[in-house]
PDB file of N, CA and C in Angstrom:
ATOM      1  N   MET A   1     -12.426   1.546  19.815  1.00  0.00           N
ATOM      2  CA  MET A   1     -12.363   0.496  19.008  1.00  0.00           C
ATOM      3  C   MET A   1     -13.761  -0.323  19.266  1.00  0.00           C
ATOM      4  N   GLU A   2     -14.465  -0.249  20.321  1.00  0.00           N
ATOM      5  CA  GLU A   2     -15.739  -0.607  20.265  1.00  0.00           C
ATOM      6  C   GLU A   2     -16.663  -0.273  19.320  1.00  0.00           C
ATOM      7  N   GLY A   3     -16.647   1.054  19.140  1.00  0.00           N
ATOM      8  CA  GLY A   3     -17.534   1.442  18.021  1.00  0.00           C
ATOM      9  C   GLY A   3     -17.105   0.749  16.577  1.00  0.00           C
ATOM     10  N   LEU A   4     -15.785   0.717  16.357  1.00  0.00           N
ATOM     11  CA  LEU A   4     -15.417   0.215  15.123  1.00  0.00           C
ATOM     12  C   LEU A   4     -15.682  -1.319  15.160  1.00  0.00           C
ATOM     13  N   GLN A   5     -15.580  -2.044  16.031  1.00  0.00           N
ATOM     14  CA  GLN A   5     -16.144  -3.416  16.030  1.00  0.00           C
ATOM     15  C   GLN A   5     -17.454  -3.734  15.877  1.00  0.00           C
ATOM     16  N   ALA A   6     -18.373  -2.664  16.437  1.00  0.00           N
ATOM     17  CA  ALA A   6     -19.849  -2.808  16.090  1.00  0.00           C
ATOM     18  C   ALA A   6     -19.939  -2.373  14.497  1.00  0.00           C
ATOM     19  N   VAL A   7     -19.528  -1.548  13.928  1.00  0.00           N
ATOM     20  CA  VAL A   7     -19.470  -1.342  12.604  1.00  0.00           C
ATOM     21  C   VAL A   7     -19.014  -2.616  11.671  1.00  0.00           C
ATOM     22  N   LEU A   8     -18.005  -3.148  12.062  1.00  0.00           N
ATOM     23  CA  LEU A   8     -17.545  -4.374  11.304  1.00  0.00           C
ATOM     24  C   LEU A   8     -18.527  -5.442  11.416  1.00  0.00           C
ATOM     25  N   TRP A   9     -18.982  -5.704  12.610  1.00  0.00           N
ATOM     26  CA  TRP A   9     -20.039  -6.666  12.763  1.00  0.00           C
ATOM     27  C   TRP A   9     -21.077  -6.467  11.934  1.00  0.00           C
ATOM     28  N   GLU A  10     -21.550  -5.154  11.908  1.00  0.00           N
ATOM     29  CA  GLU A  10     -22.840  -4.812  10.945  1.00  0.00           C
ATOM     30  C   GLU A  10     -22.409  -5.021   9.549  1.00  0.00           C
ATOM     31  N   MET A  11     -21.258  -4.769   9.183  1.00  0.00           N
ATOM     32  CA  MET A  11     -20.896  -4.862   7.690  1.00  0.00           C
ATOM     33  C   MET A  11     -20.924  -6.351   7.451  1.00  0.00           C
ATOM     34  N   SER A  12     -20.431  -7.126   8.152  1.00  0.00           N
ATOM     35  CA  SER A  12     -20.364  -8.521   8.082  1.00  0.00           C
ATOM     36  C   SER A  12     -21.652  -9.188   7.855  1.00  0.00           C
ATOM     37  N   THR A  13     -22.698  -8.486   8.364  1.00  0.00           N
ATOM     38  CA  THR A  13     -24.237  -9.246   7.995  1.00  0.00           C
ATOM     39  C   THR A  13     -24.666  -8.884   6.619  1.00  0.00           C
ATOM     40  N   PHE A  14     -24.105  -7.729   5.973  1.00  0.00           N
ATOM     41  CA  PHE A  14     -24.518  -7.375   4.748  1.00  0.00           C
ATOM     42  C   PHE A  14     -23.646  -7.794   3.490  1.00  0.00           C
ATOM     43  N   PHE A  15     -22.309  -8.217   4.048  1.00  0.00           N
ATOM     44  CA  PHE A  15     -21.412  -8.676   2.822  1.00  0.00           C
ATOM     45  C   PHE A  15     -21.109 -10.043   2.978  1.00  0.00           C
ATOM     46  N   GLU A  16     -20.642 -10.833   2.133  1.00  0.00           N
ATOM     47  CA  GLU A  16     -20.219 -11.990   2.261  1.00  0.00           C
ATOM     48  C   GLU A  16     -18.936 -12.138   2.803  1.00  0.00           C
ATOM     49  N   HIS A  17     -17.895 -11.143   2.472  1.00  0.00           N
ATOM     50  CA  HIS A  17     -16.735 -11.057   3.011  1.00  0.00           C
ATOM     51  C   HIS A  17     -16.268  -9.538   3.182  1.00  0.00           C
ATOM     52  N   VAL A  18     -15.560  -9.105   4.305  1.00  0.00           N
ATOM     53  CA  VAL A  18     -15.334  -7.835   4.555  1.00  0.00           C
ATOM     54  C   VAL A  18     -13.702  -7.753   4.637  1.00  0.00           C
ATOM     55  N   LEU A  19     -13.152  -6.910   3.935  1.00  0.00           N
ATOM     56  CA  LEU A  19     -11.758  -6.770   3.984  1.00  0.00           C
ATOM     57  C   LEU A  19     -11.514  -5.256   4.194  1.00  0.00           C
ATOM     58  N   VAL A  20     -10.745  -5.036   5.060  1.00  0.00           N
ATOM     59  CA  VAL A  20     -10.432  -3.642   5.575  1.00  0.00           C
ATOM     60  C   VAL A  20      -8.782  -3.392   5.437  1.00  0.00           C
ATOM     61  N   ILE A  21      -8.380  -2.487   4.576  1.00  0.00           N
ATOM     62  CA  ILE A  21      -6.873  -2.238   4.335  1.00  0.00           C
ATOM     63  C   ILE A  21      -6.579  -1.001   5.015  1.00  0.00           C
ATOM     64  N   VAL A  22      -5.650  -1.070   5.812  1.00  0.00           N
ATOM     65  CA  VAL A  22      -5.231   0.057   6.521  1.00  0.00           C
ATOM     66  C   VAL A  22      -3.902   0.601   6.218  1.00  0.00           C
ATOM     67  N   ASP A  23      -3.804   1.825   5.353  1.00  0.00           N
ATOM     68  CA  ASP A  23      -2.554   2.324   4.878  1.00  0.00           C
ATOM     69  C   ASP A  23      -1.759   3.076   5.823  1.00  0.00           C
ATOM     70  N   CYS A  24      -0.673   2.283   6.521  1.00  0.00           N
ATOM     71  CA  CYS A  24       0.065   2.882   7.571  1.00  0.00           C
ATOM     72  C   CYS A  24       1.479   3.362   6.874  1.00  0.00           C
ATOM     73  N   SER A  25       1.594   3.097   5.494  1.00  0.00           N
ATOM     74  CA  SER A  25       2.772   3.368   4.789  1.00  0.00           C
ATOM     75  C   SER A  25       3.349   4.931   4.743  1.00  0.00           C
ATOM     76  N   ARG A  26       2.676   5.648   5.171  1.00  0.00           N
ATOM     77  CA  ARG A  26       3.047   7.206   5.560  1.00  0.00           C
ATOM     78  C   ARG A  26       2.613   7.738   6.713  1.00  0.00           C
ATOM     79  N   ALA A  27       2.659   6.909   7.790  1.00  0.00           N
ATOM     80  CA  ALA A  27       2.358   7.034   9.168  1.00  0.00           C
ATOM     81  C   ALA A  27       3.337   8.204   9.626  1.00  0.00           C
ATOM     82  N   ARG A  28       2.938   9.243  10.235  1.00  0.00           N
ATOM     83  CA  ARG A  28       3.777  10.301  10.922  1.00  0.00           C
ATOM     84  C   ARG A  28       4.265   9.960  12.094  1.00  0.00           C
ATOM     85  N   GLU A  29       3.325   9.517  12.808  1.00  0.00           N
ATOM     86  CA  GLU A  29       3.625   9.075  14.100  1.00  0.00           C
ATOM     87  C   GLU A  29       4.886   8.111  14.458  1.00  0.00           C
ATOM     88  N   PRO A  30       5.775   8.280  15.251  1.00  0.00           N
ATOM     89  CA  PRO A  30       6.909   7.254  15.414  1.00  0.00           C
ATOM     90  C   PRO A  30       6.479   6.017  15.752  1.00  0.00           C
ATOM     91  N   ASP A  31       5.559   5.809  16.585  1.00  0.00           N
ATOM     92  CA  ASP A  31       5.404   4.511  17.055  1.00  0.00           C
ATOM     93  C   ASP A  31       3.719   4.184  16.973  1.00  0.00           C
ATOM     94  N   THR A  32       3.318   3.547  15.826  1.00  0.00           N
ATOM     95  CA  THR A  32       1.928   3.243  15.596  1.00  0.00           C
ATOM     96  C   THR A  32       1.680   1.852  15.890  1.00  0.00           C
ATOM     97  N   THR A  33       2.594   1.165  16.532  1.00  0.00           N
ATOM     98  CA  THR A  33       2.382  -0.240  17.047  1.00  0.00           C
ATOM     99  C   THR A  33       1.298  -0.656  17.815  1.00  0.00           C
ATOM    100  N   PRO A  34       1.116   0.268  18.985  1.00  0.00           N
ATOM    101  CA  PRO A  34      -0.126   0.006  19.789  1.00  0.00           C
ATOM    102  C   PRO A  34      -1.534   0.106  18.939  1.00  0.00           C
ATOM    103  N   THR A  35      -1.640   1.194  18.201  1.00  0.00           N
ATOM    104  CA  THR A  35      -2.676   1.124  17.408  1.00  0.00           C
ATOM    105  C   THR A  35      -2.950   0.190  16.391  1.00  0.00           C
ATOM    106  N   ILE A  36      -1.832  -0.356  15.641  1.00  0.00           N
ATOM    107  CA  ILE A  36      -2.013  -1.375  14.868  1.00  0.00           C
ATOM    108  C   ILE A  36      -2.553  -2.759  15.712  1.00  0.00           C
ATOM    109  N   ALA A  37      -1.693  -2.937  16.784  1.00  0.00           N
ATOM    110  CA  ALA A  37      -2.126  -4.038  17.501  1.00  0.00           C
ATOM    111  C   ALA A  37      -3.540  -4.051  17.992  1.00  0.00           C
ATOM    112  N   SER A  38      -4.094  -2.854  18.302  1.00  0.00           N
ATOM    113  CA  SER A  38      -5.485  -2.904  18.671  1.00  0.00           C
ATOM    114  C   SER A  38      -6.330  -3.129  17.609  1.00  0.00           C
ATOM    115  N   LEU A  39      -6.101  -2.658  16.318  1.00  0.00           N
ATOM    116  CA  LEU A  39      -6.800  -3.009  15.324  1.00  0.00           C
ATOM    117  C   LEU A  39      -6.758  -4.445  14.939  1.00  0.00           C
ATOM    118  N   ILE A  40      -5.754  -5.125  15.037  1.00  0.00           N
ATOM    119  CA  ILE A  40      -5.583  -6.601  14.954  1.00  0.00           C
ATOM    120  C   ILE A  40      -6.516  -7.257  15.772  1.00  0.00           C
ATOM    121  N   ARG A  41      -6.487  -6.677  16.939  1.00  0.00           N
ATOM    122  CA  ARG A  41      -7.246  -7.606  18.091  1.00  0.00           C
ATOM    123  C   ARG A  41      -8.577  -7.289  18.070  1.00  0.00           C
ATOM    124  N   THR A  42      -8.998  -6.158  17.348  1.00  0.00           N
ATOM    125  CA  THR A  42     -10.532  -5.845  17.043  1.00  0.00           C
ATOM    126  C   THR A  42     -10.763  -6.805  15.931  1.00  0.00           C
ATOM    127  N   SER A  43     -10.025  -6.962  14.731  1.00  0.00           N
ATOM    128  CA  SER A  43     -10.345  -7.602  13.780  1.00  0.00           C
ATOM    129  C   SER A  43     -10.598  -9.103  14.157  1.00  0.00           C
ATOM    130  N   LYS A  44      -9.626  -9.569  15.087  1.00  0.00           N
ATOM    131  CA  LYS A  44      -9.704 -11.048  15.493  1.00  0.00           C
ATOM    132  C   LYS A  44     -11.022 -11.370  16.148  1.00  0.00           C
ATOM    133  N   GLN A  45     -11.639 -10.303  16.807  1.00  0.00           N
ATOM    134  CA  GLN A  45     -12.878 -10.398  17.725  1.00  0.00           C
ATOM    135  C   GLN A  45     -14.121 -10.165  16.894  1.00  0.00           C
ATOM    136  N   SER A  46     -13.731  -9.719  15.593  1.00  0.00           N
ATOM    137  CA  SER A  46     -14.953  -9.498  14.654  1.00  0.00           C
ATOM    138  C   SER A  46     -15.495 -10.844  14.145  1.00  0.00           C
ATOM    139  N   ALA A  47     -16.477 -10.653  12.957  1.00  0.00           N
ATOM    140  CA  ALA A  47     -17.065 -11.579  12.408  1.00  0.00           C
ATOM    141  C   ALA A  47     -16.041 -12.712  11.744  1.00  0.00           C
ATOM    142  N   PRO A  48     -16.420 -13.945  11.506  1.00  0.00           N
ATOM    143  CA  PRO A  48     -15.402 -14.820  10.872  1.00  0.00           C
ATOM    144  C   PRO A  48     -15.340 -14.381   9.336  1.00  0.00           C
ATOM    145  N   ASN A  49     -16.099 -13.526   8.769  1.00  0.00           N
ATOM    146  CA  ASN A  49     -15.760 -13.332   7.354  1.00  0.00           C
ATOM    147  C   ASN A  49     -15.042 -11.928   7.277  1.00  0.00           C
ATOM    148  N   PHE A  50     -14.318 -11.466   8.488  1.00  0.00           N
ATOM    149  CA  PHE A  50     -13.734 -10.327   8.392  1.00  0.00           C
ATOM    150  C   PHE A  50     -12.207 -10.557   8.278  1.00  0.00           C
ATOM    151  N   SER A  51     -11.647  -9.744   7.324  1.00  0.00           N
ATOM    152  CA  SER A  51     -10.059  -9.658   7.236  1.00  0.00           C
ATOM    153  C   SER A  51      -9.471  -8.308   7.198  1.00  0.00           C
ATOM    154  N   LEU A  52      -8.438  -8.188   7.834  1.00  0.00           N
ATOM    155  CA  LEU A  52      -7.691  -7.040   7.936  1.00  0.00           C
ATOM    156  C   LEU A  52      -6.186  -7.039   7.348  1.00  0.00           C
ATOM    157  N   ALA A  53      -5.934  -6.191   6.446  1.00  0.00           N
ATOM    158  CA  ALA A  53      -4.631  -6.052   5.982  1.00  0.00           C
ATOM    159  C   ALA A  53      -4.076  -4.520   6.370  1.00  0.00           C
ATOM    160  N   VAL A  54      -2.760  -4.637   6.871  1.00  0.00           N
ATOM    161  CA  VAL A  54      -2.173  -3.567   7.214  1.00  0.00           C
ATOM    162  C   VAL A  54      -0.996  -3.332   6.513  1.00  0.00           C
ATOM    163  N   VAL A  55      -0.801  -2.180   5.560  1.00  0.00           N
ATOM    164  CA  VAL A  55       0.207  -2.008   4.661  1.00  0.00           C
ATOM    165  C   VAL A  55       1.201  -0.938   5.630  1.00  0.00           C
ATOM    166  N   TYR A  56       2.392  -1.351   5.735  1.00  0.00           N
ATOM    167  CA  TYR A  56       3.537  -0.537   6.447  1.00  0.00           C
ATOM    168  C   TYR A  56       4.894  -0.621   5.931  1.00  0.00           C
ATOM    169  N   GLN A  57       5.484   0.368   5.613  1.00  0.00           N
ATOM    170  CA  GLN A  57       6.831   0.382   5.080  1.00  0.00           C
ATOM    171  C   GLN A  57       7.802  -0.182   5.724  1.00  0.00           C
ATOM    172  N   ASP A  58       7.817   0.260   7.352  1.00  0.00           N
ATOM    173  CA  ASP A  58       8.920  -0.327   8.220  1.00  0.00           C
ATOM    174  C   ASP A  58       8.519  -1.395   9.000  1.00  0.00           C
ATOM    175  N   LEU A  59       8.070  -2.459   8.274  1.00  0.00           N
ATOM    176  CA  LEU A  59       7.525  -3.606   8.998  1.00  0.00           C
ATOM    177  C   LEU A  59       8.135  -4.127  10.148  1.00  0.00           C
ATOM    178  N   GLU A  60       9.342  -4.365  10.041  1.00  0.00           N
ATOM    179  CA  GLU A  60      10.150  -5.042  11.178  1.00  0.00           C
ATOM    180  C   GLU A  60       9.943  -4.210  12.451  1.00  0.00           C
ATOM    181  N   THR A  61       9.703  -3.003  12.405  1.00  0.00           N
ATOM    182  CA  THR A  61       9.449  -2.401  13.882  1.00  0.00           C
ATOM    183  C   THR A  61       8.146  -2.603  14.187  1.00  0.00           C
ATOM    184  N   VAL A  62       7.236  -2.974  13.239  1.00  0.00           N
ATOM    185  CA  VAL A  62       5.892  -3.385  13.694  1.00  0.00           C
ATOM    186  C   VAL A  62       5.760  -4.712  13.967  1.00  0.00           C
ATOM    187  N   ARG A  63       6.573  -5.808  13.025  1.00  0.00           N
ATOM    188  CA  ARG A  63       6.492  -7.054  13.232  1.00  0.00           C
ATOM    189  C   ARG A  63       7.002  -7.668  14.444  1.00  0.00           C
ATOM    190  N   GLU A  64       8.042  -7.139  14.865  1.00  0.00           N
ATOM    191  CA  GLU A  64       8.711  -7.839  16.095  1.00  0.00           C
ATOM    192  C   GLU A  64       7.889  -7.617  17.443  1.00  0.00           C
ATOM    193  N   PRO A  65       7.513  -6.393  17.727  1.00  0.00           N
ATOM    194  CA  PRO A  65       6.565  -6.407  18.872  1.00  0.00           C
ATOM    195  C   PRO A  65       5.228  -7.140  18.850  1.00  0.00           C
ATOM    196  N   LEU A  66       4.865  -7.358  17.617  1.00  0.00           N
ATOM    197  CA  LEU A  66       3.373  -7.867  17.380  1.00  0.00           C
ATOM    198  C   LEU A  66       3.417  -9.505  17.368  1.00  0.00           C
ATOM    199  N   GLY A  67       4.643  -9.961  16.975  1.00  0.00           N
ATOM    200  CA  GLY A  67       4.925 -11.542  17.143  1.00  0.00           C
ATOM    201  C   GLY A  67       3.924 -12.179  16.121  1.00  0.00           C
ATOM    202  N   ASP A  68       3.306 -12.971  16.843  1.00  0.00           N
ATOM    203  CA  ASP A  68       2.570 -13.887  16.057  1.00  0.00           C
ATOM    204  C   ASP A  68       1.092 -13.229  15.377  1.00  0.00           C
ATOM    205  N   LEU A  69       0.842 -11.877  15.721  1.00  0.00           N
ATOM    206  CA  LEU A  69      -0.385 -11.273  15.347  1.00  0.00           C
ATOM    207  C   LEU A  69      -0.245 -10.989  13.864  1.00  0.00           C
ATOM    208  N   VAL A  70       0.945 -11.078  13.358  1.00  0.00           N
ATOM    209  CA  VAL A  70       0.924 -10.518  11.956  1.00  0.00           C
ATOM    210  C   VAL A  70       1.623 -11.532  10.884  1.00  0.00           C
ATOM    211  N   ILE A  71       1.310 -11.646   9.854  1.00  0.00           N
ATOM    212  CA  ILE A  71       2.108 -12.253   8.775  1.00  0.00           C
ATOM    213  C   ILE A  71       2.766 -11.396   7.776  1.00  0.00           C
ATOM    214  N   HIS A  72       3.980 -11.567   7.600  1.00  0.00           N
ATOM    215  CA  HIS A  72       4.653 -10.674   6.509  1.00  0.00           C
ATOM    216  C   HIS A  72       4.681 -11.238   5.275  1.00  0.00           C
ATOM    217  N   TRP A  73       4.176 -10.362   4.408  1.00  0.00           N
ATOM    218  CA  TRP A  73       4.056 -10.345   3.037  1.00  0.00           C
ATOM    219  C   TRP A  73       4.920  -9.442   2.442  1.00  0.00           C
ATOM    220  N   ASP A  74       5.968  -9.855   1.629  1.00  0.00           N
ATOM    221  CA  ASP A  74       6.699  -8.794   0.862  1.00  0.00           C
ATOM    222  C   ASP A  74       6.234  -8.543  -0.391  1.00  0.00           C
ATOM    223  N   ILE A  75       5.696  -7.274  -0.757  1.00  0.00           N
ATOM    224  CA  ILE A  75       4.932  -6.941  -1.792  1.00  0.00           C
ATOM    225  C   ILE A  75       5.930  -5.809  -2.497  1.00  0.00           C
ATOM    226  N   THR A  76       6.517  -6.615  -3.402  1.00  0.00           N
ATOM    227  CA  THR A  76       7.531  -5.671  -4.312  1.00  0.00           C
ATOM    228  C   THR A  76       7.026  -5.745  -5.676  1.00  0.00           C
ATOM    229  N   PRO A  77       6.986  -4.316  -6.223  1.00  0.00           N
ATOM    230  CA  PRO A  77       6.478  -4.462  -7.647  1.00  0.00           C
ATOM    231  C   PRO A  77       7.280  -4.935  -8.709  1.00  0.00           C
ATOM    232  N   SER A  78       6.909  -5.480  -9.796  1.00  0.00           N
ATOM    233  CA  SER A  78       7.705  -5.982 -10.757  1.00  0.00           C
ATOM    234  C   SER A  78       8.243  -4.907 -11.541  1.00  0.00           C
ATOM    235  N   VAL A  79       9.192  -5.082 -12.446  1.00  0.00           N
ATOM    236  CA  VAL A  79       9.743  -3.849 -13.262  1.00  0.00           C
ATOM    237  C   VAL A  79       8.574  -3.656 -14.318  1.00  0.00           C
ATOM    238  N   ALA A  80       8.029  -4.547 -14.806  1.00  0.00           N
ATOM    239  CA  ALA A  80       6.845  -4.279 -15.565  1.00  0.00           C
ATOM    240  C   ALA A  80       5.757  -3.386 -15.033  1.00  0.00           C
ATOM    241  N   ILE A  81       5.338  -3.493 -13.820  1.00  0.00           N
ATOM    242  CA  ILE A  81       4.399  -2.596 -13.196  1.00  0.00           C
ATOM    243  C   ILE A  81       5.054  -1.295 -12.999  1.00  0.00           C
ATOM    244  N   LEU A  82       6.420  -1.248 -12.493  1.00  0.00           N
ATOM    245  CA  LEU A  82       7.029   0.181 -12.369  1.00  0.00           C
ATOM    246  C   LEU A  82       7.147   0.707 -13.782  1.00  0.00           C
ATOM    247  N   GLN A  83       7.439   0.092 -14.848  1.00  0.00           N
ATOM    248  CA  GLN A  83       7.509   0.973 -16.102  1.00  0.00           C
ATOM    249  C   GLN A  83       6.024   1.204 -16.550  1.00  0.00           C
ATOM    250  N   THR A  84       5.099   0.510 -16.389  1.00  0.00           N
ATOM    251  CA  THR A  84       3.776   0.888 -16.688  1.00  0.00           C
ATOM    252  C   THR A  84       3.310   2.113 -15.937  1.00  0.00           C
ATOM    253  N   PHE A  85       3.618   2.183 -14.625  1.00  0.00           N
ATOM    254  CA  PHE A  85       3.354   3.357 -13.850  1.00  0.00           C
ATOM    255  C   PHE A  85       4.002   4.585 -14.317  1.00  0.00           C
ATOM    256  N   ALA A  86       5.361   4.435 -14.572  1.00  0.00           N
ATOM    257  CA  ALA A  86       6.330   5.534 -15.035  1.00  0.00           C
ATOM    258  C   ALA A  86       5.844   6.006 -16.351  1.00  0.00           C
ATOM    259  N   ALA A  87       5.534   5.105 -17.205  1.00  0.00           N
ATOM    260  CA  ALA A  87       4.957   5.485 -18.536  1.00  0.00           C
ATOM    261  C   ALA A  87       3.576   6.126 -18.500  1.00  0.00           C
ATOM    262  N   THR A  88       2.672   5.732 -17.582  1.00  0.00           N
ATOM    263  CA  THR A  88       1.387   6.331 -17.545  1.00  0.00           C
ATOM    264  C   THR A  88       1.376   7.882 -17.059  1.00  0.00           C
ATOM    265  N   GLU A  89       2.533   7.990 -15.869  1.00  0.00           N
ATOM    266  CA  GLU A  89       2.727   9.391 -15.336  1.00  0.00           C
ATOM    267  C   GLU A  89       3.329  10.194 -16.500  1.00  0.00           C
ATOM    268  N   VAL A  90       4.295   9.776 -17.061  1.00  0.00           N
ATOM    269  CA  VAL A  90       5.057  10.524 -18.072  1.00  0.00           C
ATOM    270  C   VAL A  90       4.064  11.051 -19.145  1.00  0.00           C
ATOM    271  N   GLU A  91       3.512  10.017 -19.597  1.00  0.00           N
ATOM    272  CA  GLU A  91       2.146  10.464 -20.779  1.00  0.00           C
ATOM    273  C   GLU A  91       1.360  11.471 -20.356  1.00  0.00           C
ATOM    274  N   ARG A  92       0.896  11.230 -19.058  1.00  0.00           N
ATOM    275  CA  ARG A  92      -0.011  12.286 -18.502  1.00  0.00           C
ATOM    276  C   ARG A  92       0.466  13.583 -18.594  1.00  0.00           C
ATOM    277  N   ARG A  93       1.721  13.713 -18.097  1.00  0.00           N
ATOM    278  CA  ARG A  93       2.313  14.962 -18.109  1.00  0.00           C
ATOM    279  C   ARG A  93       2.691  15.486 -19.225  1.00  0.00           C
ATOM    280  N   VAL A  94       2.863  14.715 -20.298  1.00  0.00           N
ATOM    281  CA  VAL A  94       3.193  15.236 -21.667  1.00  0.00           C
ATOM    282  C   VAL A  94       1.802  15.639 -22.350  1.00  0.00           C
ATOM    283  N   ARG A  95       0.746  15.142 -22.120  1.00  0.00           N
ATOM    284  CA  ARG A  95      -0.672  15.431 -22.488  1.00  0.00           C
ATOM    285  C   ARG A  95      -1.024  16.792 -21.808  1.00  0.00           C
ATOM    286  N   THR A  96      -0.736  17.051 -20.607  1.00  0.00           N
ATOM    287  CA  THR A  96      -1.197  18.201 -19.973  1.00  0.00           C
ATOM    288  C   THR A  96      -0.248  19.486 -20.140  1.00  0.00           C
ATOM    289  N   GLY A  97       1.076  19.144 -21.018  1.00  0.00           N
ATOM    290  CA  GLY A  97       1.903  20.073 -21.113  1.00  0.00           C
ATOM    291  C   GLY A  97       2.925  20.365 -19.979  1.00  0.00           C
ATOM    292  N   ALA A  98       2.701  19.667 -18.928  1.00  0.00           N
ATOM    293  CA  ALA A  98       3.854  19.766 -17.874  1.00  0.00           C
ATOM    294  C   ALA A  98       5.135  19.246 -18.138  1.00  0.00           C
ATOM    295  N   LEU A  99       5.341  18.414 -19.277  1.00  0.00           N
ATOM    296  CA  LEU A  99       6.464  17.858 -19.503  1.00  0.00           C
ATOM    297  C   LEU A  99       6.775  17.680 -21.132  1.00  0.00           C
ATOM    298  N   ARG A 100       7.729  18.136 -21.520  1.00  0.00           N
ATOM    299  CA  ARG A 100       8.003  18.042 -23.094  1.00  0.00           C
ATOM    300  C   ARG A 100       9.308  17.419 -23.396  1.00  0.00           C
ATOM    301  N   PHE A 101       9.352  16.532 -24.702  1.00  0.00           N
ATOM    302  CA  PHE A 101      10.572  16.059 -24.775  1.00  0.00           C
ATOM    303  C   PHE A 101      10.908  16.271 -26.264  1.00  0.00           C
ATOM    304  N   GLU A 102      11.989  16.646 -26.687  1.00  0.00           N
ATOM    305  CA  GLU A 102      12.637  16.963 -28.040  1.00  0.00           C
ATOM    306  C   GLU A 102      12.456  15.719 -28.771  1.00  0.00           C
ATOM    307  N   ARG A 103      12.709  14.524 -28.444  1.00  0.00           N
ATOM    308  CA  ARG A 103      12.759  13.335 -29.152  1.00  0.00           C
ATOM    309  C   ARG A 103      12.037  12.265 -28.404  1.00  0.00           C
ATOM    310  N   GLY A 104      11.471  11.216 -29.163  1.00  0.00           N
ATOM    311  CA  GLY A 104      10.776  10.148 -28.490  1.00  0.00           C
ATOM    312  C   GLY A 104      11.683   9.303 -27.652  1.00  0.00           C
ATOM    313  N   ALA A 105      12.946   9.156 -28.217  1.00  0.00           N
ATOM    314  CA  ALA A 105      14.036   8.419 -27.374  1.00  0.00           C
ATOM    315  C   ALA A 105      13.997   8.941 -26.169  1.00  0.00           C
ATOM    316  N   MET A 106      14.147  10.128 -25.911  1.00  0.00           N
ATOM    317  CA  MET A 106      14.334  10.887 -24.637  1.00  0.00           C
ATOM    318  C   MET A 106      13.305  10.560 -23.642  1.00  0.00           C
ATOM    319  N   LYS A 107      11.911  10.357 -24.186  1.00  0.00           N
ATOM    320  CA  LYS A 107      10.907   9.949 -23.263  1.00  0.00           C
ATOM    321  C   LYS A 107      10.945   8.476 -22.978  1.00  0.00           C
ATOM    322  N   ASP A 108      11.502   7.634 -23.865  1.00  0.00           N
ATOM    323  CA  ASP A 108      11.627   6.286 -23.623  1.00  0.00           C
ATOM    324  C   ASP A 108      12.689   6.072 -22.311  1.00  0.00           C
ATOM    325  N   ALA A 109      13.804   6.727 -22.551  1.00  0.00           N
ATOM    326  CA  ALA A 109      14.857   6.785 -21.452  1.00  0.00           C
ATOM    327  C   ALA A 109      14.606   7.265 -20.349  1.00  0.00           C
ATOM    328  N   ALA A 110      13.635   8.365 -20.274  1.00  0.00           N
ATOM    329  CA  ALA A 110      13.109   8.818 -18.990  1.00  0.00           C
ATOM    330  C   ALA A 110      12.320   7.755 -18.344  1.00  0.00           C
ATOM    331  N   ILE A 111      11.494   7.206 -18.867  1.00  0.00           N
ATOM    332  CA  ILE A 111      10.436   6.113 -18.357  1.00  0.00           C
ATOM    333  C   ILE A 111      11.297   4.853 -17.802  1.00  0.00           C
ATOM    334  N   LEU A 112      12.517   4.614 -18.519  1.00  0.00           N
ATOM    335  CA  LEU A 112      13.307   3.558 -18.168  1.00  0.00           C
ATOM    336  C   LEU A 112      14.145   4.040 -16.775  1.00  0.00           C
ATOM    337  N   LYS A 113      14.486   5.077 -16.820  1.00  0.00           N
ATOM    338  CA  LYS A 113      15.307   5.424 -15.744  1.00  0.00           C
ATOM    339  C   LYS A 113      14.305   5.650 -14.469  1.00  0.00           C
ATOM    340  N   LEU A 114      12.985   6.081 -14.797  1.00  0.00           N
ATOM    341  CA  LEU A 114      12.109   6.261 -13.642  1.00  0.00           C
ATOM    342  C   LEU A 114      11.786   4.792 -13.035  1.00  0.00           C
ATOM    343  N   SER A 115      11.772   3.853 -13.924  1.00  0.00           N
ATOM    344  CA  SER A 115      11.159   2.519 -13.546  1.00  0.00           C
ATOM    345  C   SER A 115      12.272   1.519 -13.121  1.00  0.00           C
ATOM    346  N   VAL A 116      13.568   1.582 -13.637  1.00  0.00           N
ATOM    347  CA  VAL A 116      14.655   0.674 -13.394  1.00  0.00           C
ATOM    348  C   VAL A 116      15.815   1.392 -12.555  1.00  0.00           C
ATOM    349  N   GLY A 117      15.754   2.596 -12.750  1.00  0.00           N
ATOM    350  CA  GLY A 117      17.045   3.514 -11.984  1.00  0.00           C
ATOM    351  C   GLY A 117      18.248   3.238 -13.093  1.00  0.00           C
ATOM    352  N   GLY A 118      19.473   3.225 -12.407  1.00  0.00           N
ATOM    353  CA  GLY A 118      20.641   2.940 -13.142  1.00  0.00           C
ATOM    354  C   GLY A 118      20.952   4.298 -14.126  1.00  0.00           C
ATOM    355  N   ASP A 119      22.079   4.010 -14.824  1.00  0.00           N
ATOM    356  CA  ASP A 119      22.398   5.100 -15.798  1.00  0.00           C
ATOM    357  C   ASP A 119      22.200   4.765 -17.137  1.00  0.00           C
ATOM    358  N   HIS A 120      20.754   4.949 -17.634  1.00  0.00           N
ATOM    359  CA  HIS A 120      20.321   4.543 -18.993  1.00  0.00           C
ATOM    360  C   HIS A 120      20.099   5.805 -19.862  1.00  0.00           C
ATOM    361  N   MET A 121      20.520   7.030 -19.425  1.00  0.00           N
ATOM    362  CA  MET A 121      20.271   8.116 -20.217  1.00  0.00           C
ATOM    363  C   MET A 121      21.454   8.653 -20.953  1.00  0.00           C
TER     364      MET A 121
END
């Protein structure tokens, strides 16, 4: 972590604000809490213009042991964002020939099903 802290200090001299995002959402190791705690401590000892964001799906298992070191923000995508993502992916697959629909209504129903779930087909 000392090497990382040196890099963060160096970055903070070149940039007005340094934001590091650590994506632990697909962490395979069962207990990544000590590593995350170490990252948080390192970030707190870094320059004042440095911020750290840790993305983690199972946040309660991380939040409880870390206590006041973390702030929980629930990031839930809106239906509109999910629909846009689903539509983009379906359109890409149609364009590449990986997916084909007999009728346009079927494509719309597939996008709706992918984005909001339920029995819309």
